[in-house]
Protein backbone atom coordinates (compact mmCIF):
# COMPACT_ATOMS: atom_id res chain seq x y z
CA MET A 1 -37.70 -45.34 -90.52
CA LEU A 2 -34.53 -44.34 -92.40
CA HIS A 3 -35.86 -40.79 -92.81
CA ARG A 4 -36.53 -40.57 -89.06
CA LEU A 5 -33.01 -41.85 -88.25
CA SER A 6 -31.49 -39.25 -90.58
CA LEU A 7 -33.51 -36.49 -88.92
CA ILE A 8 -32.35 -37.57 -85.45
CA THR A 9 -28.74 -37.64 -86.65
CA LEU A 10 -29.08 -34.11 -88.04
CA LEU A 11 -30.61 -32.84 -84.81
CA LEU A 12 -27.89 -34.39 -82.68
CA GLY A 13 -25.23 -32.95 -84.98
CA GLY A 14 -26.78 -29.49 -84.65
CA LEU A 15 -26.85 -29.77 -80.86
CA ALA A 16 -23.19 -30.77 -80.79
CA ALA A 17 -22.25 -27.83 -83.03
CA GLY A 18 -24.21 -25.47 -80.78
CA ALA A 19 -22.43 -26.79 -77.70
CA ALA A 20 -19.06 -26.28 -79.39
CA GLN A 21 -20.00 -22.68 -80.23
CA ALA A 22 -21.11 -21.99 -76.65
CA SER A 23 -17.80 -23.20 -75.23
CA SER A 24 -15.83 -20.87 -77.51
CA SER A 25 -17.95 -17.81 -76.79
CA GLY A 26 -15.28 -16.16 -74.63
CA ILE A 27 -17.05 -16.78 -71.35
CA ALA A 28 -14.64 -18.17 -68.78
CA GLU A 29 -15.64 -21.00 -66.53
CA ARG A 30 -13.57 -21.30 -63.38
CA LYS A 31 -13.63 -22.56 -59.84
CA ASP A 32 -13.81 -20.01 -57.05
CA LEU A 33 -12.99 -20.00 -53.38
CA THR A 34 -16.21 -19.61 -51.37
CA LEU A 35 -16.52 -17.79 -48.07
CA ALA A 36 -17.27 -21.11 -46.34
CA LEU A 37 -14.12 -22.67 -47.79
CA GLY A 38 -12.07 -19.58 -46.94
CA ASN A 39 -13.22 -19.78 -43.33
CA GLN A 40 -12.52 -23.50 -43.25
CA LEU A 41 -8.97 -22.91 -44.53
CA ALA A 42 -8.42 -20.15 -41.95
CA ALA A 43 -9.62 -22.34 -39.08
CA ALA A 44 -7.53 -25.30 -40.27
CA THR A 45 -4.47 -23.06 -40.50
CA LEU A 46 -4.81 -21.83 -36.93
CA SER A 47 -5.44 -25.40 -35.76
CA ALA A 48 -2.20 -26.48 -37.43
CA CYS A 49 -0.34 -23.67 -35.67
CA HIS A 50 -2.00 -24.50 -32.34
CA ALA A 51 -0.88 -28.13 -32.68
CA GLN A 52 2.68 -26.75 -32.47
CA ASP A 53 1.79 -24.46 -29.53
CA ARG A 54 2.02 -21.45 -31.84
CA SER A 55 -0.32 -18.53 -32.33
CA ALA A 56 -0.68 -16.65 -35.60
CA VAL A 57 -2.74 -14.58 -37.97
CA VAL A 58 -4.12 -16.11 -41.17
CA ALA A 59 -5.50 -14.20 -44.14
CA VAL A 60 -7.35 -15.81 -47.05
CA VAL A 61 -7.78 -14.00 -50.37
CA ASP A 62 -9.97 -15.04 -53.29
CA ARG A 63 -8.77 -15.45 -56.88
CA SER A 64 -8.93 -11.69 -57.45
CA GLY A 65 -6.88 -10.83 -54.37
CA HIS A 66 -9.72 -9.61 -52.17
CA LEU A 67 -9.56 -10.46 -48.49
CA MET A 68 -12.32 -12.92 -47.67
CA ALA A 69 -11.33 -14.37 -44.30
CA LEU A 70 -9.05 -13.22 -41.52
CA GLN A 71 -8.50 -14.86 -38.15
CA ARG A 72 -6.08 -13.66 -35.51
CA ASP A 73 -5.09 -15.35 -32.30
CA ASP A 74 -4.91 -13.38 -29.08
CA ASN A 75 -1.64 -11.63 -28.29
CA VAL A 76 -0.26 -11.66 -31.83
CA GLY A 77 1.57 -8.46 -32.75
CA PRO A 78 -0.54 -6.01 -34.76
CA HIS A 79 1.97 -5.87 -37.64
CA ASN A 80 1.29 -9.54 -38.35
CA THR A 81 -2.24 -8.86 -39.61
CA LEU A 82 -0.99 -6.75 -42.51
CA ALA A 83 1.91 -9.15 -43.09
CA ALA A 84 -0.49 -12.11 -43.43
CA GLN A 85 -2.64 -10.19 -45.91
CA ARG A 86 0.37 -9.17 -47.99
CA LYS A 87 1.76 -12.73 -47.98
CA ALA A 88 -1.60 -14.05 -49.23
CA PHE A 89 -1.78 -11.37 -51.93
CA THR A 90 1.82 -12.07 -52.98
CA ALA A 91 1.22 -15.82 -53.24
CA LEU A 92 -1.90 -15.24 -55.31
CA SER A 93 -0.37 -12.59 -57.54
CA THR A 94 2.79 -14.57 -58.30
CA ARG A 95 1.09 -17.98 -58.18
CA SER A 96 3.92 -19.29 -56.06
CA ALA A 97 4.96 -19.84 -52.47
CA THR A 98 6.28 -16.62 -51.01
CA SER A 99 9.32 -18.47 -49.62
CA GLU A 100 10.26 -19.49 -53.17
CA LEU A 101 9.78 -15.95 -54.39
CA ALA A 102 12.02 -14.65 -51.57
CA ARG A 103 14.77 -17.12 -52.53
CA ARG A 104 14.47 -16.11 -56.17
CA ALA A 105 14.70 -12.41 -55.34
CA GLN A 106 17.84 -12.98 -53.26
CA GLY A 107 19.63 -14.98 -55.94
CA ASP A 108 18.43 -13.29 -59.12
CA PRO A 109 19.15 -9.56 -59.60
CA SER A 110 16.31 -9.25 -62.12
CA SER A 111 13.82 -10.47 -59.49
CA ALA A 112 15.23 -8.33 -56.67
CA ASN A 113 13.10 -5.37 -57.79
CA LEU A 114 10.01 -7.24 -56.58
CA ASN A 115 11.00 -5.92 -53.13
CA THR A 116 10.11 -2.42 -54.32
CA LEU A 117 6.40 -3.22 -54.80
CA ASP A 118 4.56 -2.20 -51.65
CA GLU A 119 1.80 -4.78 -52.08
CA LEU A 120 4.19 -7.74 -52.22
CA LEU A 121 5.91 -9.29 -49.20
CA LEU A 122 8.80 -11.56 -50.10
CA LEU A 123 8.79 -13.54 -46.88
CA GLY A 124 7.74 -17.16 -46.41
CA GLY A 125 4.25 -17.91 -45.14
CA GLY A 126 2.11 -17.38 -48.25
CA LEU A 127 0.82 -20.21 -50.42
CA PRO A 128 -1.50 -20.28 -53.43
CA VAL A 129 -4.57 -22.52 -53.26
CA ARG A 130 -4.86 -24.61 -56.43
CA ILE A 131 -7.74 -26.72 -57.71
CA ASP A 132 -7.35 -28.64 -60.96
CA GLY A 133 -4.31 -26.54 -61.84
CA GLN A 134 -6.11 -23.22 -61.29
CA VAL A 135 -5.13 -20.80 -58.53
CA ILE A 136 -8.43 -19.98 -56.81
CA GLY A 137 -7.06 -18.05 -53.85
CA ALA A 138 -4.20 -17.93 -51.36
CA LEU A 139 -3.34 -18.15 -47.68
CA GLY A 140 -0.97 -15.89 -45.79
CA VAL A 141 0.23 -16.68 -42.28
CA ALA A 142 2.27 -14.48 -39.96
CA GLY A 143 3.34 -14.43 -36.34
CA ALA A 144 3.81 -18.16 -35.71
CA GLY A 145 7.51 -17.80 -35.00
CA GLY A 146 9.21 -17.71 -38.38
CA SER A 147 8.39 -17.89 -42.05
CA SER A 148 8.98 -21.65 -42.34
CA ILE A 149 6.57 -22.30 -39.45
CA ASP A 150 4.05 -19.88 -40.99
CA GLU A 151 4.26 -21.70 -44.31
CA GLY A 152 4.05 -25.10 -42.62
CA CYS A 153 0.78 -24.13 -40.93
CA ALA A 154 -0.65 -22.98 -44.27
CA GLN A 155 0.48 -26.14 -46.07
CA SER A 156 -1.00 -28.35 -43.34
CA ALA A 157 -4.34 -26.60 -43.72
CA ILE A 158 -4.36 -26.95 -47.51
CA ASP A 159 -3.45 -30.63 -47.21
CA GLN A 160 -6.16 -31.22 -44.61
CA VAL A 161 -8.95 -29.38 -46.41
CA PHE A 162 -8.19 -30.75 -49.87
CA GLN A 163 -7.10 -34.29 -49.07
CA PRO A 164 -8.98 -36.81 -51.19
CA ASN A 165 -11.71 -38.65 -49.34
CA PRO A 166 -11.25 -42.45 -49.41
């Protein structure tokens, strides 16, 4: 009986050591934004804008900056589509709200050069999407009538989609 208990202990110890090795193998485990979730965020964003009688464009990018969902209301200026995409990319790339980045660039000469990067748009309306501290994507909104309104629509959607269920 004692011999059998020792053997079980050794086997369990070996399994634990193997699990520890597997977790340090250099393979990253991370959460990703799915197409279904991207579409849900886009729809929730437009709904938040519509609740304020606003129309807009919303772009959703995944954790690598690729466009995965885009929805545009009727009669929104064509420049807003690219603006929404660039806001989403900027929020993802900098892992911060684009309104905060714009404020930083205005007040800090060392950040002002961010305006020279064509891919970035330092204008409010872009927000990163975070799960468990990881940025898994971002939303960009344009055309709702100002950057604070754009950002408010995006924040409302994130709050709605990710609110904890009671």
